[in-house]
Amino acid sequence: MIDPPGEHPEPPADLDNRSPLTFTIPAGTTLFRLHDRSKGPLFFGRTGRNRFDSPDSSFGVLYAALDEHCAFIETFGQSTGIRIVTRTSLEQRVLSQMKLMQALPVIDLARSGGLARVGADGRLLTGSHGVAQRWSAPLRKHPIKPKGIFYPARHDVARFACALFDLPNSTFQVTNAGSLADPLHSVLLSQILDTYGFGFID
């Protein structure tokens, strides 16, 4: 039976018996987060507001990008169609670089075959958060014991992000890289704005 476009299906009952693609993020890899200046970078949220959050708040999830471009567009591109960023909004956030102190095996939903192997399709990555959260819980409990989910970013599918399940803070060596509005990031910010066609209001 063909599954017509619409809401993504619920996770299959035999998910534990399926063989997901895996990817090991090597130790030494730097992940990136743009987070509110008043909060720390290592936030394993249980709010239920994000795609792969726990559906019942039983575990926390930290979202990180594999590069600064992805961190920017996943933060400032949430309101689709609005392509303006202000100095004030940039200064309200800190770019944190998080170096992994250990390798992390994750379920790979980015590589060819990754979605099909678990019985999913692209709607899992772009559709209802509620459905994705109901997938997150059984994926986390899969017998391969993944540390998270690796997936293409919703607002730039050519770049990648990861949702990491509760991990000790010692997993990361965090460096505060300041605001993207800081002069040391002027070249990087210019490249990001050019990539996404964003205007900048000083």
Protein backbone atom coordinates (compact mmCIF):
# COMPACT_ATOMS: atom_id res chain seq x y z
CA MET A 1 0.00 0.00 0.00
CA ILE A 2 1.36 3.41 -0.98
CA ASP A 3 1.68 5.87 1.89
CA PRO A 4 0.23 9.18 0.60
CA PRO A 5 1.76 12.52 1.59
CA GLY A 6 0.60 13.76 4.96
CA GLU A 7 1.58 13.04 8.54
CA HIS A 8 4.61 10.80 8.93
CA PRO A 9 3.80 7.27 10.14
CA GLU A 10 4.38 6.24 13.74
CA PRO A 11 7.47 4.12 14.52
CA PRO A 12 7.05 0.47 13.48
CA ALA A 13 6.46 -2.14 16.16
CA ASP A 14 9.55 -4.07 15.00
CA LEU A 15 11.93 -1.10 15.14
CA ASP A 16 14.23 -2.94 17.56
CA ASN A 17 14.72 -5.68 14.96
CA ARG A 18 15.68 -3.29 12.19
CA SER A 19 19.30 -2.44 11.38
CA PRO A 20 19.76 1.33 11.29
CA LEU A 21 22.74 2.91 9.64
CA THR A 22 25.20 4.16 12.20
CA PHE A 23 27.87 6.79 12.15
CA THR A 24 30.53 7.34 14.79
CA ILE A 25 31.35 10.99 15.37
CA PRO A 26 35.09 10.82 16.04
CA ALA A 27 36.68 12.02 19.25
CA GLY A 28 38.19 15.44 18.62
CA THR A 29 35.30 16.57 16.41
CA THR A 30 34.09 20.08 17.19
CA LEU A 31 30.35 20.68 17.35
CA PHE A 32 28.78 24.14 17.42
CA ARG A 33 25.93 25.80 19.27
CA LEU A 34 24.53 29.34 19.19
CA HIS A 35 22.85 29.72 22.55
CA ASP A 36 21.40 32.45 24.70
CA ARG A 37 24.14 34.40 26.47
CA SER A 38 22.39 33.93 29.81
CA LYS A 39 22.53 30.12 29.53
CA GLY A 40 25.28 27.56 29.29
CA PRO A 41 26.01 25.63 26.10
CA LEU A 42 25.43 22.16 27.56
CA PHE A 43 21.64 22.09 27.70
CA PHE A 44 19.96 18.68 27.49
CA GLY A 45 16.45 19.95 27.10
CA ARG A 46 13.25 18.26 28.24
CA THR A 47 10.93 21.03 27.07
CA GLY A 48 9.21 19.08 24.31
CA ARG A 49 9.61 22.05 21.96
CA ASN A 50 12.24 20.53 19.67
CA ARG A 51 12.15 17.79 17.05
CA PHE A 52 13.76 14.86 18.81
CA ASP A 53 12.91 15.79 22.41
CA SER A 54 11.61 13.10 24.71
CA PRO A 55 7.84 12.78 24.30
CA ASP A 56 7.44 12.36 28.06
CA SER A 57 10.42 14.38 29.41
CA SER A 58 12.12 11.15 30.55
CA PHE A 59 15.45 12.06 28.90
CA GLY A 60 17.24 15.21 27.78
CA VAL A 61 18.44 16.10 24.29
CA LEU A 62 21.21 18.48 23.26
CA TYR A 63 21.14 19.84 19.70
CA ALA A 64 24.40 20.76 17.99
CA ALA A 65 25.57 21.58 14.48
CA LEU A 66 28.59 20.28 12.63
CA ASP A 67 29.57 23.77 11.44
CA GLU A 68 28.89 27.44 12.15
CA HIS A 69 26.68 27.90 9.08
CA CYS A 70 24.33 25.18 10.29
CA ALA A 71 24.27 26.62 13.83
CA PHE A 72 23.32 30.01 12.40
CA ILE A 73 20.52 28.93 10.06
CA GLU A 74 18.99 26.52 12.58
CA THR A 75 18.89 29.41 15.07
CA PHE A 76 18.01 32.45 12.96
CA GLY A 77 16.19 30.71 10.12
CA GLN A 78 13.33 29.38 12.23
CA SER A 79 10.90 31.96 10.85
CA THR A 80 10.94 30.91 7.22
CA GLY A 81 10.97 33.85 4.82
CA ILE A 82 12.55 36.31 7.28
CA ARG A 83 16.11 36.92 6.15
CA ILE A 84 17.26 39.74 8.40
CA VAL A 85 19.48 39.50 11.45
CA THR A 86 20.36 42.37 13.78
CA ARG A 87 23.51 43.09 15.73
CA THR A 88 21.44 42.98 18.91
CA SER A 89 20.11 39.49 18.18
CA LEU A 90 23.63 38.27 17.37
CA GLU A 91 25.03 39.76 20.55
CA GLN A 92 22.35 38.01 22.61
CA ARG A 93 23.85 34.67 21.62
CA VAL A 94 27.21 33.01 22.13
CA LEU A 95 28.92 30.71 19.66
CA SER A 96 30.22 27.74 21.63
CA GLN A 97 32.68 25.25 20.20
CA MET A 98 32.27 21.84 21.81
CA LYS A 99 35.14 19.42 21.22
CA LEU A 100 34.19 15.78 21.75
CA MET A 101 36.42 14.01 24.25
CA GLN A 102 35.15 10.60 23.17
CA ALA A 103 33.72 9.04 20.02
CA LEU A 104 29.91 8.99 19.85
CA PRO A 105 28.02 6.30 17.89
CA VAL A 106 24.80 7.77 16.50
CA ILE A 107 21.95 6.62 14.27
CA ASP A 108 22.58 8.06 10.81
CA LEU A 109 19.48 9.49 9.11
CA ALA A 110 21.55 11.60 6.71
CA ARG A 111 23.25 8.98 4.55
CA SER A 112 21.52 7.15 1.69
CA GLY A 113 19.43 4.33 3.14
CA GLY A 114 19.35 5.72 6.65
CA LEU A 115 15.67 6.64 6.72
CA ALA A 116 14.43 3.61 4.76
CA ARG A 117 16.23 1.15 7.03
CA VAL A 118 14.16 2.24 10.02
CA GLY A 119 10.92 2.63 8.04
CA ALA A 120 10.96 6.42 7.87
CA ASP A 121 11.07 9.11 5.19
CA GLY A 122 11.98 12.80 4.93
CA ARG A 123 8.85 13.94 6.74
CA LEU A 124 10.44 12.71 9.96
CA LEU A 125 13.02 15.49 9.58
CA THR A 126 10.71 18.28 8.45
CA GLY A 127 7.20 17.48 9.69
CA SER A 128 5.45 17.22 13.03
CA HIS A 129 7.63 17.46 16.12
CA GLY A 130 5.18 15.23 17.97
CA VAL A 131 5.69 12.34 15.56
CA ALA A 132 9.47 12.81 15.54
CA GLN A 133 9.52 12.76 19.34
CA ARG A 134 7.62 9.47 19.35
CA TRP A 135 10.38 8.11 17.10
CA SER A 136 13.14 9.58 19.23
CA ALA A 137 12.29 7.48 22.29
CA PRO A 138 12.45 4.03 20.62
CA LEU A 139 15.49 5.03 18.53
CA ARG A 140 17.25 5.95 21.77
CA LYS A 141 16.38 2.53 23.25
CA HIS A 142 17.43 0.58 20.14
CA PRO A 143 19.68 -2.42 20.99
CA ILE A 144 22.67 -0.76 19.32
CA LYS A 145 22.57 1.82 22.16
CA PRO A 146 23.10 5.02 20.14
CA LYS A 147 24.23 8.23 21.81
CA GLY A 148 22.08 10.31 19.49
CA ILE A 149 20.69 10.93 16.01
CA PHE A 150 22.63 12.40 13.08
CA TYR A 151 20.45 14.15 10.49
CA PRO A 152 20.34 16.84 7.76
CA ALA A 153 19.36 20.25 9.12
CA ARG A 154 15.81 21.28 8.31
CA HIS A 155 16.76 24.78 7.12
CA ASP A 156 19.80 23.67 5.11
CA VAL A 157 19.65 20.01 4.15
CA ALA A 158 23.21 20.16 2.78
CA ARG A 159 24.48 20.62 6.34
CA PHE A 160 24.22 18.35 9.34
CA ALA A 161 23.16 18.43 12.95
CA CYS A 162 22.89 15.94 15.76
CA ALA A 163 20.51 15.38 18.64
CA LEU A 164 22.49 13.86 21.51
CA PHE A 165 20.85 11.99 24.35
CA ASP A 166 21.80 12.67 27.99
CA LEU A 167 25.60 12.66 28.25
CA PRO A 168 27.94 13.76 31.05
CA ASN A 169 29.38 17.26 30.66
CA SER A 170 32.86 15.69 30.61
CA THR A 171 32.01 14.43 27.09
CA PHE A 172 32.71 17.96 25.84
CA GLN A 173 35.53 20.47 26.07
CA VAL A 174 33.74 23.77 25.61
CA THR A 175 35.25 26.98 24.24
CA ASN A 176 33.31 30.24 24.32
CA ALA A 177 33.97 31.82 20.91
CA GLY A 178 31.97 34.97 21.64
CA SER A 179 29.26 36.55 19.54
CA LEU A 180 29.13 36.27 15.76
CA ALA A 181 28.95 40.07 15.87
CA ASP A 182 32.46 40.24 17.34
CA PRO A 183 35.12 41.61 14.94
CA LEU A 184 37.10 38.34 15.00
CA HIS A 185 34.13 36.66 13.28
CA SER A 186 33.62 39.33 10.61
CA VAL A 187 34.76 37.11 7.71
CA LEU A 188 32.75 34.13 8.94
CA LEU A 189 29.63 36.24 9.45
CA SER A 190 29.98 37.75 5.98
CA GLN A 191 30.23 34.25 4.48
CA ILE A 192 27.17 33.06 6.40
CA LEU A 193 25.05 36.07 5.46
CA ASP A 194 26.06 35.66 1.82
CA THR A 195 25.26 31.93 1.83
CA TYR A 196 21.73 32.46 3.14
CA GLY A 197 21.01 35.83 1.56
CA PHE A 198 20.49 37.47 4.95
CA GLY A 199 20.60 41.21 5.46
CA PHE A 200 22.33 42.66 8.52
CA ILE A 201 20.99 45.57 10.58
CA ASP A 202 23.68 47.21 12.70
